[in-house]
Amino acid sequence: MPDVKERAARKGPSAAEGASREPHAGHTRQDASSAQGHRSRLVERVHDVSKADGHSEEKTLSSSSLEGKGKETMPSDFWDHLKEQLSSVPPDFSCALELLKEVREILLSLLLPRQNRLRSEIEEALDMDFLHQQADRGDLNVTYLSKYILNMMVLLCAPVRDEAVQRLENITDPVRLLRGIFQVLGLMKMDMVNYTIQSLQPQMQEHSIQFERAQFQERLNKQPSLLDHTTKWLMQAATDLSSPPAMCHDTLESSIPGPSPSDMDSPEPLSPSMVLSQGFLNLLLWDAEDEEFPETLLMDRARLQELELQRSQLTVLASVLLVASSFSGSVLFGSPQFVDKLKRITKSLVEDFNSRPEETMCTVSDQVTQEIHQSLKSMGLSPLSSDNTASLIGQLQNIAKKENCVRSVIDQRIHLFLKCCLVLGVQRSLMDLPGGLTLIEAELAELGQKFVSLTQHNQQVFGPYYTEILKPLLSPGQV
């Protein structure tokens, strides 16, 4: 039995896959171009791996493996066939042997290098030559082998899988038991991948920083203008800080608790961190048709677009919740169940907001109003008057307009939150959320963490280049 340390080593969640090897460049122009393409893909792959969030949800399955076949076809096909074979007289063990062989390989793959005794035990207990001999004699004991495998899973599984393994112990049907074993083993494989990648993550990140910087420098040596768009991006950020954009002021803004964003942006001497923070924030509002995207962030452009989409949807969600709360009162919004349900409804509807804002908000207004009416009724509270209902619907539908002040103020405050995340970190920023954002705290935490992770890695790779670019813009003591 493995010791406690061996078992505990499997607990760490994480995710990623190793980077592929860089191919050798050829001697022809076509080969050189191909090699350059491979090199670019390699840099992107290393970049992706270094930024993995530490947890893998999907598996790359070989089409020749049983596990892969289970994903590609109806899983019941194989198990129905296995049941027919074991129930026949005499029993046919061909499918069972195929399954046992793959289970054996999975169990061996779960072992740590130092677990030699367990390796020998598994290889002996699941010796395929011996099992084939038993099958030929017709006395292969599938039930006994399943129990052995289950006992080995108890030793090898991470604590998070204990409950799943325990449930298997109560299954008496041999086919159902094997099916359950195979499913849980798949999860255990991912646990091992997650643990392995998590343990390698610090080294991978450090090597990624050095590798990406070296590859970029190689390109810069051949193309001195490679930082032109990056320079323009940082200069624009410095200009924005010198002349902040006008904020939305309206009587509705006074109804949103918390300090005004304009009050938070008092002029300060420019610093590199301030300029970079402003520059990163500007990327969330980048025009998709503008091709002058900073060269140092090209590999993250798709991620930034995804973050902007998430930010946009959160702006609409928070705006809807704010307007709804002003009509339904503290009783409804004091109920976590009501708030969660309203958030689920709104989230599912605002996914199409960017392409169909008016139509989306018409649907949202109908659904939200209906939910408020039903909840007020179920709680024995007075329903909304016809005037209040009409006003609620009208204000919700007005969120579709870009100039809508509630939406503008919420947008500014999410922008302010992300700015605080870059300066103070996510956890400290969550401690003092701007008004109107408390109901989407969990969603903001996720958005902020992704944004900070992306920008930190980028600064670690390209920080020296940013320092050189910013020297002419800032006083010597600030660089």
Protein backbone atom coordinates (compact mmCIF):
# COMPACT_ATOMS: atom_id res chain seq x y z
CA MET A 1 0.00 0.00 0.00
CA PRO A 2 1.40 3.43 -0.92
CA ASP A 3 2.19 5.71 1.98
CA VAL A 4 0.22 8.84 2.80
CA LYS A 5 2.68 11.11 1.03
CA GLU A 6 2.39 9.11 -2.17
CA ARG A 7 -1.37 9.37 -2.15
CA ALA A 8 -1.43 13.01 -1.14
CA ALA A 9 0.80 13.81 -4.09
CA ARG A 10 -2.17 13.14 -6.36
CA LYS A 11 -4.41 15.75 -4.82
CA GLY A 12 -3.19 18.81 -6.71
CA PRO A 13 -5.51 20.00 -9.51
CA SER A 14 -3.99 21.53 -12.59
CA ALA A 15 -4.00 21.38 -16.37
CA ALA A 16 -2.11 21.79 -19.54
CA GLU A 17 -0.24 19.80 -22.13
CA GLY A 18 3.40 19.76 -23.06
CA ALA A 19 4.65 21.87 -25.93
CA SER A 20 5.68 20.22 -29.16
CA ARG A 21 9.30 20.20 -30.27
CA GLU A 22 10.57 22.83 -32.66
CA PRO A 23 11.37 21.41 -36.12
CA HIS A 24 14.64 22.08 -37.90
CA ALA A 25 14.60 24.76 -40.57
CA GLY A 26 15.20 23.61 -44.13
CA HIS A 27 17.43 25.13 -46.81
CA THR A 28 14.82 26.13 -49.40
CA ARG A 29 12.65 29.23 -49.19
CA GLN A 30 9.58 27.05 -48.79
CA ASP A 31 11.23 25.07 -46.01
CA ALA A 32 12.32 28.28 -44.30
CA SER A 33 8.80 29.62 -44.47
CA SER A 34 7.47 26.34 -43.13
CA ALA A 35 10.00 26.36 -40.30
CA GLN A 36 9.04 29.92 -39.42
CA GLY A 37 5.42 28.86 -39.29
CA HIS A 38 6.29 25.95 -37.01
CA ARG A 39 8.33 28.28 -34.81
CA SER A 40 5.45 30.71 -34.50
CA ARG A 41 3.08 27.90 -33.56
CA LEU A 42 5.63 26.64 -31.04
CA VAL A 43 5.86 30.06 -29.40
CA GLU A 44 2.08 30.21 -29.23
CA ARG A 45 1.92 26.72 -27.75
CA VAL A 46 4.49 27.51 -25.07
CA HIS A 47 2.61 30.72 -24.35
CA ASP A 48 -0.67 28.82 -23.97
CA VAL A 49 0.86 26.20 -21.68
CA SER A 50 2.44 28.79 -19.40
CA LYS A 51 -0.91 30.51 -19.00
CA ALA A 52 -2.92 27.36 -18.30
CA ASP A 53 -5.34 27.92 -15.43
CA GLY A 54 -4.24 24.80 -13.59
CA HIS A 55 -7.19 22.55 -14.35
CA SER A 56 -7.94 20.36 -17.34
CA GLU A 57 -11.51 19.49 -18.22
CA GLU A 58 -11.03 17.64 -21.50
CA LYS A 59 -9.02 14.65 -22.59
CA THR A 60 -7.39 14.00 -25.94
CA LEU A 61 -8.37 10.43 -26.67
CA SER A 62 -6.88 8.09 -29.19
CA SER A 63 -9.48 6.85 -31.64
CA SER A 64 -8.01 3.36 -31.20
CA SER A 65 -8.57 3.32 -27.44
CA LEU A 66 -11.72 2.03 -25.79
CA GLU A 67 -12.01 5.33 -23.97
CA GLY A 68 -11.87 7.16 -27.26
CA LYS A 69 -14.43 4.83 -28.81
CA GLY A 70 -16.72 5.47 -25.89
CA LYS A 71 -16.65 9.15 -26.77
CA GLU A 72 -17.04 8.68 -30.50
CA THR A 73 -19.96 6.23 -30.43
CA MET A 74 -22.84 5.40 -28.10
CA PRO A 75 -21.09 4.10 -24.96
CA SER A 76 -23.88 1.57 -24.39
CA ASP A 77 -22.92 -0.31 -27.57
CA PHE A 78 -19.74 -1.70 -26.12
CA TRP A 79 -21.25 -2.45 -22.73
CA ASP A 80 -24.30 -4.14 -24.25
CA HIS A 81 -21.98 -6.31 -26.32
CA LEU A 82 -19.88 -7.13 -23.26
CA LYS A 83 -23.01 -8.18 -21.36
CA GLU A 84 -24.08 -10.46 -24.22
CA GLN A 85 -20.65 -12.10 -24.36
CA LEU A 86 -20.43 -12.75 -20.62
CA SER A 87 -23.99 -14.09 -20.53
CA SER A 88 -23.46 -16.51 -23.41
CA VAL A 89 -22.82 -20.21 -22.80
CA PRO A 90 -19.93 -20.75 -22.80
CA PRO A 91 -18.98 -17.12 -22.03
CA ASP A 92 -17.00 -15.13 -24.56
CA PHE A 93 -14.24 -13.10 -22.88
CA SER A 94 -12.87 -11.23 -25.92
CA CYS A 95 -14.37 -7.83 -24.98
CA ALA A 96 -13.53 -8.37 -21.31
CA LEU A 97 -9.89 -9.04 -22.15
CA GLU A 98 -9.70 -5.93 -24.30
CA LEU A 99 -11.15 -3.90 -21.44
CA LEU A 100 -8.86 -5.45 -18.82
CA LYS A 101 -5.82 -4.69 -20.96
CA GLU A 102 -6.71 -1.02 -21.14
CA VAL A 103 -7.56 -0.86 -17.44
CA ARG A 104 -4.15 -2.39 -16.70
CA GLU A 105 -2.41 0.34 -18.71
CA ILE A 106 -4.40 3.06 -16.96
CA LEU A 107 -3.52 1.72 -13.51
CA LEU A 108 0.16 1.57 -14.40
CA SER A 109 0.03 5.13 -15.73
CA LEU A 110 -1.28 6.33 -12.35
CA LEU A 111 1.78 5.12 -10.47
CA LEU A 112 4.61 7.37 -9.39
CA PRO A 113 8.14 6.31 -10.47
CA ARG A 114 9.05 5.13 -6.98
CA GLN A 115 6.04 2.79 -6.63
CA ASN A 116 7.85 -0.27 -7.97
CA ARG A 117 6.19 -2.79 -5.67
CA LEU A 118 2.70 -1.76 -6.78
CA ARG A 119 3.81 -1.80 -10.40
CA SER A 120 5.01 -5.38 -10.07
CA GLU A 121 1.82 -6.37 -8.27
CA ILE A 122 -0.44 -4.93 -10.98
CA GLU A 123 1.62 -6.45 -13.78
CA GLU A 124 1.40 -9.85 -12.11
CA ALA A 125 -2.32 -9.69 -11.22
CA LEU A 126 -3.27 -8.46 -14.69
CA ASP A 127 -0.78 -10.49 -16.71
CA MET A 128 -2.52 -10.57 -20.07
CA ASP A 129 -0.90 -13.81 -21.23
CA PHE A 130 -2.16 -15.57 -18.11
CA LEU A 131 -5.61 -14.00 -18.43
CA HIS A 132 -5.84 -15.17 -22.03
CA GLN A 133 -5.02 -18.69 -20.88
CA GLN A 134 -7.78 -18.52 -18.29
CA ALA A 135 -10.21 -17.21 -20.91
CA ASP A 136 -9.32 -20.09 -23.24
CA ARG A 137 -10.11 -22.53 -20.43
CA GLY A 138 -13.37 -20.69 -19.74
CA ASP A 139 -12.57 -19.91 -16.11
CA LEU A 140 -11.64 -16.21 -16.28
CA ASN A 141 -13.07 -14.72 -13.07
CA VAL A 142 -14.20 -11.23 -14.18
CA THR A 143 -15.87 -10.48 -10.86
CA TYR A 144 -12.72 -11.27 -8.87
CA LEU A 145 -10.56 -9.14 -11.20
CA SER A 146 -13.04 -6.24 -10.97
CA LYS A 147 -12.83 -6.35 -7.18
CA TYR A 148 -9.02 -6.37 -7.37
CA ILE A 149 -9.04 -3.36 -9.69
CA LEU A 150 -11.46 -1.59 -7.38
CA ASN A 151 -9.20 -2.20 -4.38
CA MET A 152 -6.26 -0.80 -6.31
CA MET A 153 -8.29 2.28 -7.22
CA VAL A 154 -8.97 2.85 -3.52
CA LEU A 155 -5.21 3.04 -2.98
CA LEU A 156 -4.44 5.23 -5.97
CA CYS A 157 -7.33 7.67 -6.25
CA ALA A 158 -7.19 11.27 -5.04
CA PRO A 159 -9.47 12.09 -2.10
CA VAL A 160 -11.83 13.90 -4.44
CA ARG A 161 -12.61 10.51 -6.06
CA ASP A 162 -13.14 8.59 -2.80
CA GLU A 163 -16.91 8.92 -2.92
CA ALA A 164 -17.12 7.78 -6.55
CA VAL A 165 -14.98 4.72 -5.82
CA GLN A 166 -17.03 3.87 -2.73
CA ARG A 167 -20.22 3.93 -4.81
CA LEU A 168 -18.69 1.32 -7.11
CA GLU A 169 -18.23 -1.05 -4.17
CA ASN A 170 -22.00 -1.42 -3.90
CA ILE A 171 -22.47 -2.54 -7.52
CA THR A 172 -22.96 -6.29 -7.91
CA ASP A 173 -23.65 -6.52 -11.66
CA PRO A 174 -20.26 -7.28 -13.29
CA VAL A 175 -20.88 -5.22 -16.43
CA ARG A 176 -22.17 -2.20 -14.53
CA LEU A 177 -19.19 -2.47 -12.21
CA LEU A 178 -16.70 -2.58 -15.07
CA ARG A 179 -18.41 0.36 -16.74
CA GLY A 180 -18.23 2.38 -13.52
CA ILE A 181 -14.61 1.41 -12.99
CA PHE A 182 -13.69 2.56 -16.48
CA GLN A 183 -15.46 5.92 -16.04
CA VAL A 184 -13.80 6.67 -12.70
CA LEU A 185 -10.39 5.59 -14.03
CA GLY A 186 -10.80 8.23 -16.74
CA LEU A 187 -11.25 10.86 -14.03
CA MET A 188 -8.25 9.52 -12.14
CA LYS A 189 -6.12 9.86 -15.27
CA MET A 190 -7.02 13.54 -15.46
CA ASP A 191 -6.20 13.96 -11.78
CA MET A 192 -2.71 12.64 -12.49
CA VAL A 193 -2.30 14.93 -15.51
CA ASN A 194 -3.48 17.87 -13.42
CA TYR A 195 -1.03 17.06 -10.62
CA THR A 196 1.88 16.59 -13.02
CA ILE A 197 1.27 19.86 -14.82
CA GLN A 198 0.74 21.76 -11.59
CA SER A 199 4.08 20.54 -10.27
CA LEU A 200 5.77 21.66 -13.50
CA GLN A 201 3.91 24.95 -13.83
CA PRO A 202 6.50 27.23 -12.15
CA GLN A 203 9.33 25.88 -14.31
CA MET A 204 7.15 25.99 -17.42
CA GLN A 205 6.21 29.60 -16.78
CA GLU A 206 9.79 30.69 -16.20
CA HIS A 207 11.02 28.91 -19.32
CA SER A 208 8.10 30.35 -21.27
CA ILE A 209 9.07 33.90 -20.31
CA GLN A 210 12.67 33.39 -21.41
CA PHE A 211 11.70 31.49 -24.55
CA GLU A 212 9.07 33.99 -25.72
CA ARG A 213 11.38 36.95 -25.11
CA ALA A 214 14.24 35.28 -27.00
CA GLN A 215 12.01 34.45 -29.94
CA PHE A 216 10.64 38.00 -30.04
CA GLN A 217 14.15 39.47 -29.88
CA GLU A 218 15.17 37.27 -32.80
CA ARG A 219 12.29 38.66 -34.84
CA LEU A 220 13.06 42.21 -33.71
CA ASN A 221 16.66 41.88 -34.89
CA LYS A 222 15.39 41.04 -38.37
CA GLN A 223 12.55 43.58 -38.31
CA PRO A 224 13.48 46.76 -36.37
CA SER A 225 9.98 48.22 -36.86
CA LEU A 226 8.38 45.35 -34.97
CA LEU A 227 7.60 47.56 -31.96
CA ASP A 228 5.98 50.43 -33.88
CA HIS A 229 2.40 49.52 -32.99
CA THR A 230 3.40 48.77 -29.41
CA THR A 231 4.98 52.22 -29.12
CA LYS A 232 1.88 53.88 -30.54
CA TRP A 233 -0.31 51.92 -28.11
CA LEU A 234 1.70 53.04 -25.07
CA MET A 235 1.84 56.66 -26.24
CA GLN A 236 -1.94 56.66 -26.58
CA ALA A 237 -2.27 55.29 -23.07
CA ALA A 238 -0.07 58.11 -21.73
CA THR A 239 -2.20 60.64 -23.62
CA ASP A 240 -5.38 59.15 -22.16
CA LEU A 241 -4.01 59.54 -18.65
CA SER A 242 -3.14 63.16 -19.29
CA SER A 243 -6.69 63.93 -20.47
CA PRO A 244 -9.25 61.53 -18.94
CA PRO A 245 -12.41 60.94 -21.02
CA ALA A 246 -15.65 62.58 -20.01
CA MET A 247 -17.82 60.58 -17.63
CA CYS A 248 -21.56 60.08 -17.76
CA HIS A 249 -23.42 62.38 -15.36
CA ASP A 250 -27.11 62.00 -14.85
CA THR A 251 -29.63 62.02 -12.06
CA LEU A 252 -29.66 58.21 -12.30
CA GLU A 253 -26.00 58.09 -11.33
CA SER A 254 -26.83 59.51 -7.93
CA SER A 255 -29.04 56.48 -7.29
CA ILE A 256 -26.03 54.15 -7.53
CA PRO A 257 -24.21 53.94 -4.21
CA GLY A 258 -20.46 54.34 -4.07
CA PRO A 259 -17.91 56.91 -5.13
CA SER A 260 -17.97 58.39 -8.61
CA PRO A 261 -15.26 57.05 -10.95
CA SER A 262 -14.38 60.61 -11.90
CA ASP A 263 -13.50 61.31 -8.28
CA MET A 264 -11.10 58.37 -8.31
CA ASP A 265 -9.09 59.64 -11.29
CA SER A 266 -7.41 62.69 -9.76
CA PRO A 267 -4.35 63.69 -11.82
CA GLU A 268 -1.11 62.02 -10.76
CA PRO A 269 2.38 62.06 -12.22
CA LEU A 270 2.68 59.39 -14.89
CA SER A 271 4.52 56.19 -14.02
CA PRO A 272 5.29 53.11 -16.13
CA SER A 273 2.77 51.00 -14.21
CA MET A 274 0.05 53.60 -14.73
CA VAL A 275 0.70 53.81 -18.47
CA LEU A 276 0.77 50.03 -18.84
CA SER A 277 -2.43 49.62 -16.82
CA GLN A 278 -4.18 52.18 -19.00
CA GLY A 279 -2.81 50.50 -22.09
CA PHE A 280 -4.10 47.09 -21.05
CA LEU A 281 -7.51 48.57 -20.27
CA ASN A 282 -7.59 50.20 -23.70
CA LEU A 283 -7.13 46.79 -25.29
CA LEU A 284 -10.51 45.71 -23.94
CA LEU A 285 -12.09 48.42 -26.08
CA TRP A 286 -9.99 47.83 -29.18
CA ASP A 287 -11.68 48.24 -32.54
CA ALA A 288 -11.76 44.82 -34.18
CA GLU A 289 -10.99 46.42 -37.55
CA ASP A 290 -7.90 48.24 -36.28
CA GLU A 291 -4.94 46.20 -37.51
CA GLU A 292 -2.36 48.23 -35.57
CA PHE A 293 -2.62 45.93 -32.58
CA PRO A 294 0.45 45.92 -30.29
CA GLU A 295 2.92 43.37 -31.56
CA THR A 296 3.71 42.22 -28.03
CA LEU A 297 0.11 41.18 -27.45
CA LEU A 298 -0.83 39.54 -30.73
CA MET A 299 -0.88 36.06 -29.21
CA ASP A 300 -3.33 37.28 -26.57
CA ARG A 301 -5.68 39.11 -28.92
CA ALA A 302 -8.30 36.35 -28.94
CA ARG A 303 -8.16 36.11 -25.15
CA LEU A 304 -8.60 39.86 -24.82
CA GLN A 305 -11.59 39.79 -27.17
CA GLU A 306 -13.14 37.06 -25.04
CA LEU A 307 -12.54 39.11 -21.89
CA GLU A 308 -14.15 42.13 -23.51
CA LEU A 309 -17.20 40.06 -24.44
CA GLN A 310 -17.41 38.84 -20.85
CA ARG A 311 -17.04 42.40 -19.56
CA SER A 312 -19.76 43.64 -21.90
CA GLN A 313 -22.18 40.94 -20.78
CA LEU A 314 -21.46 41.67 -17.13
CA THR A 315 -22.20 45.34 -17.76
CA VAL A 316 -25.64 44.47 -19.09
CA LEU A 317 -26.25 41.94 -16.31
CA ALA A 318 -25.37 44.41 -13.55
CA SER A 319 -27.47 47.11 -15.22
CA VAL A 320 -30.49 44.80 -15.35
CA LEU A 321 -30.08 43.83 -11.69
CA LEU A 322 -29.70 47.45 -10.65
CA VAL A 323 -32.83 48.60 -12.46
CA ALA A 324 -34.83 45.58 -11.25
CA SER A 325 -33.77 46.13 -7.63
CA SER A 326 -34.98 49.74 -7.73
CA PHE A 327 -38.50 48.50 -8.50
CA SER A 328 -38.77 45.27 -6.51
CA GLY A 329 -37.31 46.48 -3.23
CA SER A 330 -35.00 44.95 -0.67
CA VAL A 331 -37.25 42.00 0.20
CA LEU A 332 -36.86 40.24 -3.14
CA PHE A 333 -33.21 41.16 -3.58
CA GLY A 334 -32.54 40.09 -0.02
CA SER A 335 -33.31 36.55 -1.16
CA PRO A 336 -30.20 34.81 -2.59
CA GLN A 337 -32.44 32.32 -4.38
CA PHE A 338 -34.31 35.08 -6.20
CA VAL A 339 -31.12 36.92 -7.16
CA ASP A 340 -29.45 33.72 -8.43
CA LYS A 341 -32.48 32.83 -10.51
CA LEU A 342 -32.71 36.32 -11.98
CA LYS A 343 -29.00 36.20 -12.80
CA ARG A 344 -29.35 32.82 -14.53
CA ILE A 345 -32.25 34.06 -16.61
CA THR A 346 -30.47 37.25 -17.61
CA LYS A 347 -27.12 35.59 -18.33
CA SER A 348 -28.69 33.12 -20.73
CA LEU A 349 -30.44 35.92 -22.60
CA VAL A 350 -27.65 38.52 -22.90
CA GLU A 351 -25.32 36.20 -24.81
CA ASP A 352 -26.76 37.67 -28.02
CA PHE A 353 -26.73 41.26 -26.78
CA ASN A 354 -23.90 42.52 -28.99
CA SER A 355 -25.56 41.33 -32.19
CA ARG A 356 -29.20 42.05 -31.24
CA PRO A 357 -29.32 44.56 -28.36
CA GLU A 358 -32.89 45.81 -28.80
CA GLU A 359 -34.38 42.37 -29.34
CA THR A 360 -32.39 40.94 -26.46
CA MET A 361 -33.48 43.61 -24.00
CA CYS A 362 -37.14 43.22 -25.03
CA THR A 363 -36.89 39.55 -24.10
CA VAL A 364 -34.98 40.34 -20.91
CA SER A 365 -37.56 42.93 -19.84
CA ASP A 366 -40.41 40.47 -20.34
CA GLN A 367 -38.67 37.65 -18.45
CA VAL A 368 -37.44 39.83 -15.59
CA THR A 369 -40.81 41.53 -15.12
CA GLN A 370 -42.58 38.17 -15.13
CA GLU A 371 -40.14 36.76 -12.56
CA ILE A 372 -40.60 39.78 -10.28
CA HIS A 373 -44.39 39.50 -10.48
CA GLN A 374 -44.33 35.79 -9.69
CA SER A 375 -41.90 36.19 -6.79
CA LEU A 376 -43.87 39.07 -5.25
CA LYS A 377 -47.01 36.98 -5.47
CA SER A 378 -45.43 33.86 -3.98
CA MET A 379 -44.08 35.90 -1.07
CA GLY A 380 -47.46 37.51 -0.42
CA LEU A 381 -46.25 40.99 -1.32
CA SER A 382 -48.09 43.69 -3.22
CA PRO A 383 -47.67 43.42 -7.00
CA LEU A 384 -46.17 46.20 -9.08
CA SER A 385 -48.65 48.79 -10.26
CA SER A 386 -49.28 49.07 -13.98
CA ASP A 387 -47.32 52.34 -14.06
CA ASN A 388 -44.33 50.80 -12.27
CA THR A 389 -44.47 47.76 -14.54
CA ALA A 390 -44.42 49.95 -17.63
CA SER A 391 -41.58 52.03 -16.20
CA LEU A 392 -39.57 48.91 -15.32
CA ILE A 393 -39.99 47.50 -18.82
CA GLY A 394 -39.06 50.83 -20.37
CA GLN A 395 -35.90 51.25 -18.29
CA LEU A 396 -34.79 47.69 -18.96
CA GLN A 397 -35.28 48.11 -22.70
CA ASN A 398 -33.36 51.40 -22.65
CA ILE A 399 -30.27 49.49 -21.53
CA ALA A 400 -29.94 48.50 -25.20
CA LYS A 401 -28.94 52.09 -26.01
CA LYS A 402 -25.24 52.90 -25.83
CA GLU A 403 -25.99 56.27 -24.26
CA ASN A 404 -28.10 54.75 -21.48
CA CYS A 405 -26.73 56.27 -18.29
CA VAL A 406 -27.20 53.26 -16.01
CA ARG A 407 -25.30 51.11 -18.47
CA SER A 408 -22.62 53.80 -18.91
CA VAL A 409 -22.04 54.18 -15.18
CA ILE A 410 -21.90 50.41 -14.63
CA ASP A 411 -19.48 50.13 -17.54
CA GLN A 412 -17.26 52.82 -16.02
CA ARG A 413 -17.29 51.08 -12.66
CA ILE A 414 -16.35 47.70 -14.09
CA HIS A 415 -13.57 49.53 -15.90
CA LEU A 416 -12.53 51.06 -12.56
CA PHE A 417 -12.63 47.64 -10.89
CA LEU A 418 -10.34 46.14 -13.53
CA LYS A 419 -8.00 49.11 -13.15
CA CYS A 420 -7.87 48.48 -9.39
CA CYS A 421 -7.17 44.80 -10.06
CA LEU A 422 -4.09 45.72 -12.06
CA VAL A 423 -2.84 48.04 -9.32
CA LEU A 424 -3.97 46.39 -6.08
CA GLY A 425 -4.78 42.81 -7.05
CA VAL A 426 -8.12 41.07 -7.37
CA GLN A 427 -8.78 40.24 -3.72
CA ARG A 428 -8.17 43.76 -2.44
CA SER A 429 -10.27 45.21 -5.25
CA LEU A 430 -13.18 42.93 -4.30
CA MET A 431 -13.10 44.27 -0.75
CA ASP A 432 -14.24 47.72 -1.90
CA LEU A 433 -16.42 47.19 -4.96
CA PRO A 434 -17.90 50.28 -6.58
CA GLY A 435 -21.65 50.63 -6.08
CA GLY A 436 -23.90 48.58 -8.31
CA LEU A 437 -21.43 45.70 -8.69
CA THR A 438 -21.91 43.70 -5.48
CA LEU A 439 -24.45 41.34 -7.07
CA ILE A 440 -21.92 40.24 -9.69
CA GLU A 441 -18.96 39.88 -7.32
CA ALA A 442 -18.22 36.25 -8.25
CA GLU A 443 -18.32 37.01 -11.96
CA LEU A 444 -16.08 40.05 -11.51
CA ALA A 445 -13.58 37.99 -9.53
CA GLU A 446 -13.28 35.53 -12.42
CA LEU A 447 -12.94 38.31 -14.99
CA GLY A 448 -10.40 40.18 -12.91
CA GLN A 449 -8.26 37.10 -12.31
CA LYS A 450 -8.11 36.25 -16.00
CA PHE A 451 -7.23 39.83 -16.91
CA VAL A 452 -4.53 40.17 -14.26
CA SER A 453 -2.99 36.79 -15.18
CA LEU A 454 -2.78 37.77 -18.83
CA THR A 455 -1.26 41.18 -18.18
CA GLN A 456 1.25 39.94 -15.61
CA HIS A 457 2.62 37.30 -17.94
CA ASN A 458 2.85 39.84 -20.74
CA GLN A 459 4.77 42.28 -18.56
CA GLN A 460 7.16 39.55 -17.44
CA VAL A 461 7.97 38.72 -21.05
CA PHE A 462 8.03 42.19 -22.61
CA GLY A 463 8.78 44.42 -19.61
CA PRO A 464 12.29 45.40 -20.83
CA TYR A 465 10.86 46.59 -24.15
CA TYR A 466 8.13 48.60 -22.44
CA THR A 467 10.73 50.27 -20.20
CA GLU A 468 12.75 51.42 -23.20
CA ILE A 469 9.66 52.71 -25.01
CA LEU A 470 8.45 54.68 -21.99
CA LYS A 471 11.79 56.37 -21.22
CA PRO A 472 11.16 59.37 -23.53
CA LEU A 473 7.62 59.81 -22.16
CA LEU A 474 8.47 59.89 -18.46
CA SER A 475 10.90 61.74 -16.27
CA PRO A 476 14.12 59.83 -15.41
CA GLY A 477 13.06 59.22 -11.83
CA GLN A 478 9.81 57.53 -12.90
CA VAL A 479 11.22 54.95 -15.30
